[in-house]
C-alpha cells in the first residue's frame, strides 16, 4: 500500500472551516496518510531540514495543502 504525506500549511488551522474538516477526515486513515502541520511543528523554531527530507523520502506521494486565499503554491 502506498502512503501519502500531506503537508498542511495553514497559519491558523483551528479557525479554518474547510481545511480543518479535510485534515480531520484524513486523520481517520493513519495507515494511508501522514499529516504534517508545518505551522504546528515550527511555530517559533527553525525548520529541521533533515527531518523534512526524511519525511519526503519515506512516502510515495506528497500533497501540499494550503489556504485557497494564497491562490498559488506556498
PDB file of N, CA and C in Angstrom:
ATOM      1  N   UNK A   1       0.848  -1.183   0.000  1.00  0.00           N
ATOM      2  CA  UNK A   1       0.000   0.000   0.000  1.00  0.00           C
ATOM      3  C   UNK A   1       0.894   1.248   0.000  1.00  0.00           C
ATOM      4  N   UNK A   2       0.534   2.207  -0.812  1.00  0.00           N
ATOM      5  CA  UNK A   2       1.286   3.460  -0.839  1.00  0.00           C
ATOM      6  C   UNK A   2       0.862   4.347   0.321  1.00  0.00           C
ATOM      7  N   UNK A   3       1.787   5.178   0.744  1.00  0.00           N
ATOM      8  CA  UNK A   3       1.492   6.110   1.831  1.00  0.00           C
ATOM      9  C   UNK A   3       1.734   7.522   1.319  1.00  0.00           C
ATOM     10  N   UNK A   4       0.821   8.422   1.686  1.00  0.00           N
ATOM     11  CA  UNK A   4       0.850   9.800   1.209  1.00  0.00           C
ATOM     12  C   UNK A   4       1.181  10.738   2.354  1.00  0.00           C
ATOM     13  N   UNK A   5       2.136  11.623   2.100  1.00  0.00           N
ATOM     14  CA  UNK A   5       2.487  12.675   3.042  1.00  0.00           C
ATOM     15  C   UNK A   5       1.673  13.908   2.684  1.00  0.00           C
ATOM     16  N   UNK A   6       0.907  14.414   3.636  1.00  0.00           N
ATOM     17  CA  UNK A   6       0.118  15.618   3.407  1.00  0.00           C
ATOM     18  C   UNK A   6       0.722  16.726   4.260  1.00  0.00           C
ATOM     19  N   UNK A   7       1.327  17.687   3.592  1.00  0.00           N
ATOM     20  CA  UNK A   7       1.958  18.809   4.272  1.00  0.00           C
ATOM     21  C   UNK A   7       0.937  19.935   4.346  1.00  0.00           C
ATOM     22  N   UNK A   8       0.493  20.191   5.559  1.00  0.00           N
ATOM     23  CA  UNK A   8      -0.541  21.207   5.793  1.00  0.00           C
ATOM     24  C   UNK A   8       0.154  22.506   6.194  1.00  0.00           C
ATOM     25  N   UNK A   9      -0.109  23.558   5.449  1.00  0.00           N
ATOM     26  CA  UNK A   9       0.497  24.858   5.755  1.00  0.00           C
ATOM     27  C   UNK A   9      -0.612  25.890   5.883  1.00  0.00           C
ATOM     28  N   UNK A  10      -1.199  25.925   7.054  1.00  0.00           N
ATOM     29  CA  UNK A  10      -2.263  26.882   7.336  1.00  0.00           C
ATOM     30  C   UNK A  10      -1.879  27.642   8.594  1.00  0.00           C
ATOM     31  N   UNK A  11      -1.860  28.972   8.547  1.00  0.00           N
ATOM     32  CA  UNK A  11      -1.409  29.741   9.705  1.00  0.00           C
ATOM     33  C   UNK A  11      -2.316  29.629  10.933  1.00  0.00           C
ATOM     34  N   UNK A  12      -3.577  29.237  10.748  1.00  0.00           N
ATOM     35  CA  UNK A  12      -4.485  29.088  11.886  1.00  0.00           C
ATOM     36  C   UNK A  12      -5.501  27.992  11.577  1.00  0.00           C
ATOM     37  N   UNK A  13      -5.030  26.780  11.595  1.00  0.00           N
ATOM     38  CA  UNK A  13      -5.864  25.640  11.220  1.00  0.00           C
ATOM     39  C   UNK A  13      -7.087  25.494  12.124  1.00  0.00           C
ATOM     40  N   UNK A  14      -6.955  25.860  13.390  1.00  0.00           N
ATOM     41  CA  UNK A  14      -8.080  25.722  14.317  1.00  0.00           C
ATOM     42  C   UNK A  14      -9.247  26.649  13.960  1.00  0.00           C
ATOM     43  N   UNK A  15      -8.975  27.742  13.260  1.00  0.00           N
ATOM     44  CA  UNK A  15     -10.020  28.679  12.859  1.00  0.00           C
ATOM     45  C   UNK A  15     -10.532  28.410  11.441  1.00  0.00           C
ATOM     46  N   UNK A  16      -9.931  27.476  10.780  1.00  0.00           N
ATOM     47  CA  UNK A  16     -10.332  27.159   9.414  1.00  0.00           C
ATOM     48  C   UNK A  16     -11.624  26.347   9.415  1.00  0.00           C
ATOM     49  N   UNK A  17     -12.348  26.398   8.326  1.00  0.00           N
ATOM     50  CA  UNK A  17     -13.552  25.579   8.198  1.00  0.00           C
ATOM     51  C   UNK A  17     -13.248  24.385   7.297  1.00  0.00           C
ATOM     52  N   UNK A  18     -12.976  24.641   6.035  1.00  0.00           N
ATOM     53  CA  UNK A  18     -12.769  23.561   5.072  1.00  0.00           C
ATOM     54  C   UNK A  18     -11.473  22.801   5.332  1.00  0.00           C
ATOM     55  N   UNK A  19     -10.381  23.522   5.529  1.00  0.00           N
ATOM     56  CA  UNK A  19      -9.095  22.853   5.738  1.00  0.00           C
ATOM     57  C   UNK A  19      -9.117  21.984   6.993  1.00  0.00           C
ATOM     58  N   UNK A  20      -9.700  22.494   8.044  1.00  0.00           N
ATOM     59  CA  UNK A  20      -9.773  21.761   9.307  1.00  0.00           C
ATOM     60  C   UNK A  20     -10.565  20.465   9.140  1.00  0.00           C
ATOM     61  N   UNK A  21     -11.710  20.519   8.471  1.00  0.00           N
ATOM     62  CA  UNK A  21     -12.530  19.324   8.266  1.00  0.00           C
ATOM     63  C   UNK A  21     -11.808  18.296   7.406  1.00  0.00           C
ATOM     64  N   UNK A  22     -11.112  18.780   6.392  1.00  0.00           N
ATOM     65  CA  UNK A  22     -10.375  17.903   5.483  1.00  0.00           C
ATOM     66  C   UNK A  22      -9.287  17.164   6.254  1.00  0.00           C
ATOM     67  N   UNK A  23      -8.533  17.891   7.071  1.00  0.00           N
ATOM     68  CA  UNK A  23      -7.460  17.290   7.856  1.00  0.00           C
ATOM     69  C   UNK A  23      -8.030  16.292   8.865  1.00  0.00           C
ATOM     70  N   UNK A  24      -9.116  16.638   9.519  1.00  0.00           N
ATOM     71  CA  UNK A  24      -9.735  15.720  10.482  1.00  0.00           C
ATOM     72  C   UNK A  24     -10.210  14.435   9.797  1.00  0.00           C
ATOM     73  N   UNK A  25     -10.780  14.546   8.618  1.00  0.00           N
ATOM     74  CA  UNK A  25     -11.259  13.369   7.890  1.00  0.00           C
ATOM     75  C   UNK A  25     -10.093  12.470   7.475  1.00  0.00           C
ATOM     76  N   UNK A  26      -9.017  13.058   6.996  1.00  0.00           N
ATOM     77  CA  UNK A  26      -7.853  12.264   6.596  1.00  0.00           C
ATOM     78  C   UNK A  26      -7.175  11.618   7.796  1.00  0.00           C
ATOM     79  N   UNK A  27      -7.295  12.242   8.962  1.00  0.00           N
ATOM     80  CA  UNK A  27      -6.721  11.690  10.175  1.00  0.00           C
ATOM     81  C   UNK A  27      -7.339  10.360  10.587  1.00  0.00           C
ATOM     82  N   UNK A  28      -8.474  10.016  10.012  1.00  0.00           N
ATOM     83  CA  UNK A  28      -9.123   8.731  10.296  1.00  0.00           C
ATOM     84  C   UNK A  28      -8.413   7.563   9.609  1.00  0.00           C
ATOM     85  N   UNK A  29      -7.454   7.859   8.725  1.00  0.00           N
ATOM     86  CA  UNK A  29      -6.767   6.825   7.955  1.00  0.00           C
ATOM     87  C   UNK A  29      -5.249   6.942   8.114  1.00  0.00           C
ATOM     88  N   UNK A  30      -4.733   6.772   9.329  1.00  0.00           N
ATOM     89  CA  UNK A  30      -3.295   6.945   9.552  1.00  0.00           C
ATOM     90  C   UNK A  30      -2.428   5.923   8.817  1.00  0.00           C
ATOM     91  N   UNK A  31      -3.015   4.802   8.430  1.00  0.00           N
ATOM     92  CA  UNK A  31      -2.246   3.807   7.682  1.00  0.00           C
ATOM     93  C   UNK A  31      -2.004   4.255   6.240  1.00  0.00           C
ATOM     94  N   UNK A  32      -2.777   5.214   5.752  1.00  0.00           N
ATOM     95  CA  UNK A  32      -2.635   5.702   4.375  1.00  0.00           C
ATOM     96  C   UNK A  32      -2.041   7.093   4.281  1.00  0.00           C
ATOM     97  N   UNK A  33      -2.279   7.921   5.318  1.00  0.00           N
ATOM     98  CA  UNK A  33      -1.873   9.323   5.245  1.00  0.00           C
ATOM     99  C   UNK A  33      -1.056   9.733   6.464  1.00  0.00           C
ATOM    100  N   UNK A  34      -0.002  10.490   6.218  1.00  0.00           N
ATOM    101  CA  UNK A  34       0.749  11.136   7.285  1.00  0.00           C
ATOM    102  C   UNK A  34       0.450  12.622   7.180  1.00  0.00           C
ATOM    103  N   UNK A  35      -0.180  13.170   8.203  1.00  0.00           N
ATOM    104  CA  UNK A  35      -0.494  14.597   8.224  1.00  0.00           C
ATOM    105  C   UNK A  35       0.650  15.331   8.915  1.00  0.00           C
ATOM    106  N   UNK A  36       1.173  16.344   8.256  1.00  0.00           N
ATOM    107  CA  UNK A  36       2.318  17.080   8.788  1.00  0.00           C
ATOM    108  C   UNK A  36       2.002  18.571   8.757  1.00  0.00           C
ATOM    109  N   UNK A  37       1.706  19.118   9.916  1.00  0.00           N
ATOM    110  CA  UNK A  37       1.322  20.525  10.056  1.00  0.00           C
ATOM    111  C   UNK A  37       2.577  21.373  10.270  1.00  0.00           C
ATOM    112  N   UNK A  38       3.014  22.085   9.251  1.00  0.00           N
ATOM    113  CA  UNK A  38       4.243  22.870   9.354  1.00  0.00           C
ATOM    114  C   UNK A  38       4.145  23.981  10.384  1.00  0.00           C
ATOM    115  N   UNK A  39       3.031  24.675  10.428  1.00  0.00           N
ATOM    116  CA  UNK A  39       2.875  25.743  11.420  1.00  0.00           C
ATOM    117  C   UNK A  39       2.852  25.171  12.834  1.00  0.00           C
ATOM    118  N   UNK A  40       2.257  24.024  13.003  1.00  0.00           N
ATOM    119  CA  UNK A  40       2.215  23.386  14.308  1.00  0.00           C
ATOM    120  C   UNK A  40       3.582  22.891  14.764  1.00  0.00           C
ATOM    121  N   UNK A  41       4.377  22.414  13.819  1.00  0.00           N
ATOM    122  CA  UNK A  41       5.699  21.894  14.141  1.00  0.00           C
ATOM    123  C   UNK A  41       6.741  22.985  14.361  1.00  0.00           C
ATOM    124  N   UNK A  42       6.640  24.051  13.576  1.00  0.00           N
ATOM    125  CA  UNK A  42       7.693  25.060  13.571  1.00  0.00           C
ATOM    126  C   UNK A  42       7.166  26.459  13.849  1.00  0.00           C
ATOM    127  N   UNK A  43       6.292  26.592  14.812  1.00  0.00           N
ATOM    128  CA  UNK A  43       5.705  27.900  15.116  1.00  0.00           C
ATOM    129  C   UNK A  43       6.767  28.936  15.455  1.00  0.00           C
ATOM    130  N   UNK A  44       7.741  28.560  16.248  1.00  0.00           N
ATOM    131  CA  UNK A  44       8.761  29.529  16.664  1.00  0.00           C
ATOM    132  C   UNK A  44      10.167  28.967  16.501  1.00  0.00           C
ATOM    133  N   UNK A  45      10.298  27.880  15.791  1.00  0.00           N
ATOM    134  CA  UNK A  45      11.602  27.245  15.648  1.00  0.00           C
ATOM    135  C   UNK A  45      12.000  27.171  14.182  1.00  0.00           C
ATOM    136  N   UNK A  46      13.284  27.088  13.910  1.00  0.00           N
ATOM    137  CA  UNK A  46      13.713  26.911  12.522  1.00  0.00           C
ATOM    138  C   UNK A  46      13.312  25.524  12.007  1.00  0.00           C
ATOM    139  N   UNK A  47      13.122  25.419  10.728  1.00  0.00           N
ATOM    140  CA  UNK A  47      12.715  24.152  10.118  1.00  0.00           C
ATOM    141  C   UNK A  47      13.862  23.158  10.189  1.00  0.00           C
ATOM    142  N   UNK A  48      13.555  21.940  10.609  1.00  0.00           N
ATOM    143  CA  UNK A  48      14.528  20.854  10.673  1.00  0.00           C
ATOM    144  C   UNK A  48      14.605  20.224   9.280  1.00  0.00           C
ATOM    145  N   UNK A  49      15.551  20.664   8.500  1.00  0.00           N
ATOM    146  CA  UNK A  49      15.652  20.254   7.099  1.00  0.00           C
ATOM    147  C   UNK A  49      15.854  18.744   6.979  1.00  0.00           C
ATOM    148  N   UNK A  50      16.718  18.169   7.795  1.00  0.00           N
ATOM    149  CA  UNK A  50      16.969  16.723   7.724  1.00  0.00           C
ATOM    150  C   UNK A  50      15.688  15.929   8.007  1.00  0.00           C
ATOM    151  N   UNK A  51      14.910  16.365   8.977  1.00  0.00           N
ATOM    152  CA  UNK A  51      13.645  15.682   9.301  1.00  0.00           C
ATOM    153  C   UNK A  51      12.659  15.785   8.141  1.00  0.00           C
ATOM    154  N   UNK A  52      12.569  16.972   7.547  1.00  0.00           N
ATOM    155  CA  UNK A  52      11.655  17.169   6.426  1.00  0.00           C
ATOM    156  C   UNK A  52      12.073  16.325   5.224  1.00  0.00           C
ATOM    157  N   UNK A  53      13.352  16.245   4.964  1.00  0.00           N
ATOM    158  CA  UNK A  53      13.833  15.417   3.857  1.00  0.00           C
ATOM    159  C   UNK A  53      13.525  13.945   4.110  1.00  0.00           C
ATOM    160  N   UNK A  54      13.695  13.499   5.345  1.00  0.00           N
ATOM    161  CA  UNK A  54      13.394  12.108   5.686  1.00  0.00           C
ATOM    162  C   UNK A  54      11.913  11.805   5.489  1.00  0.00           C
ATOM    163  N   UNK A  55      11.049  12.719   5.884  1.00  0.00           N
ATOM    164  CA  UNK A  55       9.604  12.522   5.691  1.00  0.00           C
ATOM    165  C   UNK A  55       9.269  12.360   4.207  1.00  0.00           C
ATOM    166  N   UNK A  56       9.855  13.198   3.386  1.00  0.00           N
ATOM    167  CA  UNK A  56       9.597  13.115   1.948  1.00  0.00           C
ATOM    168  C   UNK A  56      10.060  11.769   1.396  1.00  0.00           C
ATOM    169  N   UNK A  57      11.224  11.327   1.815  1.00  0.00           N
ATOM    170  CA  UNK A  57      11.771  10.067   1.306  1.00  0.00           C
ATOM    171  C   UNK A  57      10.990   8.844   1.776  1.00  0.00           C
ATOM    172  N   UNK A  58      10.293   8.940   2.904  1.00  0.00           N
ATOM    173  CA  UNK A  58       9.534   7.814   3.450  1.00  0.00           C
ATOM    174  C   UNK A  58       8.179   7.618   2.789  1.00  0.00           C
ATOM    175  N   UNK A  59       7.771   8.532   1.932  1.00  0.00           N
ATOM    176  CA  UNK A  59       6.426   8.479   1.352  1.00  0.00           C
ATOM    177  C   UNK A  59       6.465   8.360  -0.166  1.00  0.00           C
ATOM    178  N   UNK A  60       5.392   7.794  -0.702  1.00  0.00           N
ATOM    179  CA  UNK A  60       5.280   7.593  -2.147  1.00  0.00           C
ATOM    180  C   UNK A  60       4.697   8.808  -2.856  1.00  0.00           C
ATOM    181  N   UNK A  61       3.832   9.528  -2.143  1.00  0.00           N
ATOM    182  CA  UNK A  61       3.158  10.692  -2.728  1.00  0.00           C
ATOM    183  C   UNK A  61       3.200  11.846  -1.731  1.00  0.00           C
ATOM    184  N   UNK A  62       3.146  13.065  -2.271  1.00  0.00           N
ATOM    185  CA  UNK A  62       3.145  14.260  -1.422  1.00  0.00           C
ATOM    186  C   UNK A  62       2.028  15.186  -1.887  1.00  0.00           C
ATOM    187  N   UNK A  63       1.261  15.691  -0.923  1.00  0.00           N
ATOM    188  CA  UNK A  63       0.217  16.681  -1.203  1.00  0.00           C
ATOM    189  C   UNK A  63       0.497  17.899  -0.346  1.00  0.00           C
ATOM    190  N   UNK A  64       0.479  19.073  -0.962  1.00  0.00           N
ATOM    191  CA  UNK A  64       0.620  20.327  -0.238  1.00  0.00           C
ATOM    192  C   UNK A  64      -0.771  20.924  -0.060  1.00  0.00           C
ATOM    193  N   UNK A  65      -1.179  21.153   1.170  1.00  0.00           N
ATOM    194  CA  UNK A  65      -2.478  21.751   1.461  1.00  0.00           C
ATOM    195  C   UNK A  65      -2.242  23.127   2.063  1.00  0.00           C
ATOM    196  N   UNK A  66      -2.832  24.129   1.463  1.00  0.00           N
ATOM    197  CA  UNK A  66      -2.658  25.497   1.937  1.00  0.00           C
ATOM    198  C   UNK A  66      -3.943  26.266   1.693  1.00  0.00           C
ATOM    199  N   UNK A  67      -4.121  27.406   2.364  1.00  0.00           N
ATOM    200  CA  UNK A  67      -5.352  28.178   2.211  1.00  0.00           C
ATOM    201  C   UNK A  67      -5.562  28.650   0.764  1.00  0.00           C
ATOM    202  N   UNK A  68      -6.792  28.564   0.319  1.00  0.00           N
ATOM    203  CA  UNK A  68      -7.125  28.975  -1.045  1.00  0.00           C
ATOM    204  C   UNK A  68      -6.785  30.440  -1.301  1.00  0.00           C
ATOM    205  N   UNK A  69      -6.895  31.266  -0.281  1.00  0.00           N
ATOM    206  CA  UNK A  69      -6.656  32.684  -0.493  1.00  0.00           C
ATOM    207  C   UNK A  69      -5.188  32.973  -0.840  1.00  0.00           C
ATOM    208  N   UNK A  70      -4.300  32.010  -0.639  1.00  0.00           N
ATOM    209  CA  UNK A  70      -2.913  32.208  -1.087  1.00  0.00           C
ATOM    210  C   UNK A  70      -2.870  32.176  -2.603  1.00  0.00           C
ATOM    211  N   UNK A  71      -3.789  31.441  -3.220  1.00  0.00           N
ATOM    212  CA  UNK A  71      -4.034  31.385  -4.650  1.00  0.00           C
ATOM    213  C   UNK A  71      -2.840  30.940  -5.475  1.00  0.00           C
ATOM    214  N   UNK A  72      -1.865  30.334  -4.877  1.00  0.00           N
ATOM    215  CA  UNK A  72      -0.697  29.834  -5.588  1.00  0.00           C
ATOM    216  C   UNK A  72       0.032  28.877  -4.676  1.00  0.00           C
ATOM    217  N   UNK A  73       1.062  28.263  -5.167  1.00  0.00           N
ATOM    218  CA  UNK A  73       1.861  27.350  -4.335  1.00  0.00           C
ATOM    219  C   UNK A  73       2.591  28.137  -3.250  1.00  0.00           C
ATOM    220  N   UNK A  74       2.668  27.560  -2.056  1.00  0.00           N
ATOM    221  CA  UNK A  74       3.394  28.244  -0.985  1.00  0.00           C
ATOM    222  C   UNK A  74       4.894  28.243  -1.229  1.00  0.00           C
TER     223      UNK A  74
END
